[in-house]
Every structure is written in C-alpha cells, then in structure tokens.
Amino acid sequence: MPSLFRRKPEEPAASVVVSEPESEVGPKGHTPSKRDLGQKTPKRVIAGRRLPEPPAADRKEAAKRLREKQRQERLEAREGMANGDDRYLLKRDKGPVRKLVRDIVDSRRTIGTFFFGTTFLVMLVGFNRNLNQSIYLAANALFFVMLLATAVDGFMISRTVKKLVKQRFPDTDERLGSLYLYAIMRSISFRFIRNPKPQVKIGQAI
C-alpha cells in the first residue's frame, strides 16, 4: 500500500524553447512586401523620356530656344522628306501609288538624265560664234535625237506605270495622266538631286 507521505516524483525540467528569427516568408509561403518590411521602393526611371526644360530666364533665352526648336523641326522634316516618310512629303509625293511610280523610275537608267547634258552642250556651241557651221548642225542634230529618245523613254516608262498601277492598285483614284507626268518629270532629273531620294537600286525588281 503506497504511503501517503511519499514524495511526489520530480517533474521533468521544462524544455527551453529557442525562438528563431522570423523569416521573411509569411504564412503559407506569402512573401511580405517591401512596404511591410519598412523598405522604400526606388522610383522607376522611364528610359527615353526627356526631362522638362527649366523655364527660360528671359525673353532673349526664350527666343533662342524657339529658334533652335524650329531649326530642329526643319532638319527633321527635310530628312523625313528625303527618306520618303509620308508624314513630311508634299501632297504630290504622298501615297503608295506615288511611291510605286518613283520606284519604277529609280529602278532604271533613263535617257532623260542625259538630255539636260546634251542641251547644255548645244547651248555652249550656240554661244561660240567662231566654230564651224558643221559643228552647229551636228549639235542641233544631237539635240533632236536626244529629244526623240527621251520622248520614247518616257512613253516606255508610262506603259510600265500603267501596267503596275493597275495590277497593284486597281481601286486607286489617281489619274493616270498625272502619274505619267510625275514619272516623266522624275525621269529627266539627275538621280542625285531627286527628292524624295531613290529607295531602290538600278536594276532592282519592282
């Protein structure tokens, strides 16, 4: 029979619980935001956005800025026109049909570019009164030959323009006569002074 005065067994020492630092991962795998952790989020810098200019100090500075802005706009417009950007082109040059006509002319060697050289030569001969009469006759004959060749070349270009425009833009409201004149005027201009600049090489298929 157990004694009533028996000492109770000693209880086991309480286990020491070591608290670990809380991880940054919240309950159920949730990661607290930087705002919860007391950190500041750095501001994002949008690339390519220009900062606003500070206000001009006086009217002279404002006028200078205006002139510089206008100069930049003119350069941008000139470059866009030369490269065939439709936003900067004149009304006569705008549209895919006109671009097709330019490409047709620029993809070939045109006799019209030599016509102006021949005309200049004939004028030089005409101003020189000391030359033989036969030279005058030869120069005039060359002029008329080049004029005829330019007319034939213009006719061939117009046929190509008509064919390709009807194939690729059958619903266009552009008048063919206007397109022919546009093509011929471009064909008699030197290639390096054409505007917009040629976008195709000579001999390239259109």
Protein backbone atom coordinates (compact mmCIF):
# COMPACT_ATOMS: atom_id res chain seq x y z
CA MET A 1 0.00 0.00 0.00
CA PRO A 2 1.58 3.22 -1.02
CA SER A 3 2.45 5.63 1.63
CA LEU A 4 0.51 8.79 1.92
CA PHE A 5 3.64 10.67 2.83
CA ARG A 6 5.63 9.57 -0.18
CA ARG A 7 7.24 12.43 -2.05
CA LYS A 8 5.91 13.13 -5.50
CA PRO A 9 8.28 12.40 -8.33
CA GLU A 10 10.05 15.45 -9.59
CA GLU A 11 8.61 16.86 -12.82
CA PRO A 12 10.91 16.96 -15.76
CA ALA A 13 12.55 20.29 -16.35
CA ALA A 14 10.73 22.47 -18.75
CA SER A 15 12.28 22.40 -22.19
CA VAL A 16 13.89 25.59 -23.23
CA VAL A 17 12.34 26.92 -26.41
CA VAL A 18 14.73 28.93 -28.50
CA SER A 19 12.92 31.42 -30.64
CA GLU A 20 14.31 31.65 -34.12
CA PRO A 21 14.25 34.88 -36.03
CA GLU A 22 11.23 35.21 -38.21
CA SER A 23 11.91 34.57 -41.80
CA GLU A 24 10.84 36.96 -44.45
CA VAL A 25 8.44 34.39 -45.79
CA GLY A 26 5.00 34.82 -44.25
CA PRO A 27 2.36 32.24 -43.62
CA LYS A 28 1.51 29.89 -46.42
CA GLY A 29 4.55 30.95 -48.40
CA HIS A 30 3.49 34.60 -48.62
CA THR A 31 6.43 36.94 -49.03
CA PRO A 32 5.88 40.29 -47.32
CA SER A 33 6.21 43.36 -49.46
CA LYS A 34 8.93 45.91 -49.06
CA ARG A 35 6.36 48.21 -47.51
CA ASP A 36 5.71 45.60 -44.77
CA LEU A 37 9.44 45.32 -44.13
CA GLY A 38 9.80 49.06 -43.86
CA GLN A 39 11.88 49.38 -47.02
CA LYS A 40 11.36 52.10 -49.61
CA THR A 41 10.83 51.18 -53.23
CA PRO A 42 13.11 53.15 -55.52
CA LYS A 43 11.41 55.22 -58.18
CA ARG A 44 11.48 53.84 -61.68
CA VAL A 45 13.17 55.80 -64.41
CA ILE A 46 11.42 55.56 -67.76
CA ALA A 47 14.00 55.30 -70.48
CA GLY A 48 13.77 57.72 -73.36
CA ARG A 49 11.63 60.30 -71.56
CA ARG A 50 13.16 63.73 -71.73
CA LEU A 51 13.06 65.82 -68.62
CA PRO A 52 11.17 69.10 -68.99
CA GLU A 53 13.39 72.06 -69.64
CA PRO A 54 13.60 74.69 -66.95
CA PRO A 55 11.77 77.91 -67.80
CA ALA A 56 13.69 80.50 -69.76
CA ALA A 57 15.40 83.16 -67.74
CA ASP A 58 14.27 86.00 -70.02
CA ARG A 59 12.70 86.75 -73.41
CA LYS A 60 16.05 86.53 -75.17
CA GLU A 61 16.60 82.99 -73.89
CA ALA A 62 13.01 82.04 -74.86
CA ALA A 63 13.51 83.36 -78.40
CA LYS A 64 16.78 81.45 -78.69
CA ARG A 65 15.09 78.22 -77.64
CA LEU A 66 12.27 78.81 -80.11
CA ARG A 67 14.70 79.32 -82.99
CA GLU A 68 16.59 76.15 -82.04
CA LYS A 69 13.37 74.17 -81.88
CA GLN A 70 12.27 75.44 -85.29
CA ARG A 71 15.67 74.58 -86.75
CA GLN A 72 15.44 71.03 -85.40
CA GLU A 73 11.94 70.67 -86.83
CA ARG A 74 13.12 71.85 -90.26
CA LEU A 75 16.01 69.39 -90.23
CA GLU A 76 13.67 66.59 -89.21
CA ALA A 77 11.20 67.50 -91.95
CA ARG A 78 13.95 67.72 -94.59
CA GLU A 79 15.36 64.35 -93.58
CA GLY A 80 11.90 62.78 -93.49
CA MET A 81 11.09 64.12 -96.94
CA ALA A 82 14.35 62.86 -98.38
CA ASN A 83 13.75 59.39 -96.92
CA GLY A 84 10.20 59.21 -98.26
CA ASP A 85 8.42 59.48 -94.91
CA ASP A 86 4.78 60.10 -95.81
CA ARG A 87 4.33 62.49 -92.86
CA TYR A 88 6.72 65.03 -94.37
CA LEU A 89 6.10 64.61 -98.09
CA LEU A 90 4.43 67.18 -100.28
CA LYS A 91 0.93 66.38 -101.50
CA ARG A 92 2.23 65.46 -104.95
CA ASP A 93 4.52 62.79 -103.44
CA LYS A 94 2.21 61.22 -100.86
CA GLY A 95 0.65 57.79 -101.05
CA PRO A 96 1.67 54.26 -102.01
CA VAL A 97 0.82 54.81 -105.67
CA ARG A 98 3.25 57.71 -106.00
CA LYS A 99 5.90 55.68 -104.21
CA LEU A 100 5.42 52.88 -106.72
CA VAL A 101 5.88 55.36 -109.58
CA ARG A 102 9.08 56.68 -108.03
CA ASP A 103 10.43 53.15 -107.60
CA ILE A 104 9.66 52.35 -111.24
CA VAL A 105 11.65 55.37 -112.42
CA ASP A 106 14.50 54.91 -109.93
CA SER A 107 14.99 51.24 -110.79
CA ARG A 108 16.12 52.01 -114.33
CA ARG A 109 18.55 54.18 -116.24
CA THR A 110 16.64 56.91 -118.01
CA ILE A 111 17.71 58.73 -121.15
CA GLY A 112 16.16 61.90 -119.80
CA THR A 113 19.06 62.37 -117.39
CA PHE A 114 21.39 62.76 -120.40
CA PHE A 115 19.00 65.14 -122.15
CA PHE A 116 19.94 68.09 -119.94
CA GLY A 117 23.63 67.44 -120.52
CA THR A 118 23.05 67.45 -124.26
CA THR A 119 21.03 70.66 -124.02
CA PHE A 120 23.81 72.35 -122.06
CA LEU A 121 26.35 71.27 -124.70
CA VAL A 122 24.22 72.64 -127.54
CA MET A 123 23.89 75.96 -125.73
CA LEU A 124 27.67 76.22 -125.36
CA VAL A 125 28.11 75.56 -129.06
CA GLY A 126 25.47 78.13 -129.93
CA PHE A 127 27.20 80.85 -127.91
CA ASN A 128 30.54 80.27 -129.63
CA ARG A 129 30.41 82.06 -132.99
CA ASN A 130 33.91 81.00 -134.04
CA LEU A 131 33.04 77.33 -134.60
CA ASN A 132 32.49 75.71 -137.96
CA GLN A 133 28.96 75.58 -139.31
CA SER A 134 29.07 71.79 -139.42
CA ILE A 135 29.55 71.72 -135.64
CA TYR A 136 26.38 73.71 -135.22
CA LEU A 137 24.49 71.29 -137.40
CA ALA A 138 25.89 68.27 -135.52
CA ALA A 139 25.00 69.77 -132.17
CA ASN A 140 21.45 70.54 -133.28
CA ALA A 141 21.08 67.05 -134.73
CA LEU A 142 22.27 65.54 -131.43
CA PHE A 143 19.78 67.66 -129.54
CA PHE A 144 16.82 66.44 -131.61
CA VAL A 145 17.99 62.83 -131.39
CA MET A 146 18.17 63.06 -127.62
CA LEU A 147 14.79 64.78 -127.51
CA LEU A 148 13.24 61.95 -129.51
CA ALA A 149 14.97 59.30 -127.39
CA THR A 150 13.73 60.98 -124.21
CA ALA A 151 10.17 61.00 -125.55
CA VAL A 152 10.37 57.29 -126.40
CA ASP A 153 11.84 56.51 -122.98
CA GLY A 154 9.06 58.48 -121.32
CA PHE A 155 6.49 56.51 -123.29
CA MET A 156 8.01 53.21 -122.15
CA ILE A 157 8.05 54.37 -118.54
CA SER A 158 4.41 55.41 -118.80
CA ARG A 159 3.46 51.96 -120.08
CA THR A 160 5.19 50.32 -117.13
CA VAL A 161 3.50 52.72 -114.72
CA LYS A 162 0.08 51.94 -116.18
CA LYS A 163 0.65 48.19 -116.01
CA LEU A 164 1.91 48.03 -112.43
CA VAL A 165 -0.53 50.56 -111.02
CA LYS A 166 -3.50 48.65 -112.44
CA GLN A 167 -2.10 45.38 -111.09
CA ARG A 168 -1.33 46.54 -107.54
CA PHE A 169 -3.77 49.40 -107.02
CA PRO A 170 -6.83 48.62 -109.18
CA ASP A 171 -9.11 50.76 -106.99
CA THR A 172 -6.93 53.86 -106.89
CA ASP A 173 -8.48 57.22 -107.74
CA GLU A 174 -5.17 58.61 -109.06
CA ARG A 175 -5.42 59.83 -112.65
CA LEU A 176 -3.06 58.00 -114.99
CA GLY A 177 -2.21 61.20 -116.87
CA SER A 178 -1.00 62.80 -113.64
CA LEU A 179 1.07 59.71 -112.84
CA TYR A 180 2.65 59.72 -116.31
CA LEU A 181 3.69 63.36 -115.92
CA TYR A 182 5.01 62.64 -112.42
CA ALA A 183 7.12 59.75 -113.73
CA ILE A 184 8.48 61.65 -116.74
CA MET A 185 9.47 64.71 -114.71
CA ARG A 186 11.33 62.47 -112.29
CA SER A 187 13.00 60.54 -115.12
CA ILE A 188 14.58 63.66 -116.62
CA SER A 189 16.06 64.71 -113.26
CA PHE A 190 19.54 63.66 -112.23
CA ARG A 191 19.38 60.78 -109.80
CA PHE A 192 21.38 62.53 -107.07
CA ILE A 193 19.03 65.54 -106.97
CA ARG A 194 15.74 63.62 -106.92
CA ASN A 195 13.56 64.29 -103.92
CA PRO A 196 12.47 62.06 -102.23
CA LYS A 197 15.72 60.17 -102.63
CA PRO A 198 15.65 56.89 -104.59
CA GLN A 199 14.82 53.95 -102.33
CA VAL A 200 15.71 51.25 -104.86
CA LYS A 201 18.85 50.44 -106.81
CA ILE A 202 19.15 50.49 -110.57
CA GLY A 203 18.10 47.13 -111.96
CA GLN A 204 16.21 46.11 -108.83
CA ALA A 205 12.92 44.30 -109.44
CA ILE A 206 9.80 46.26 -108.52
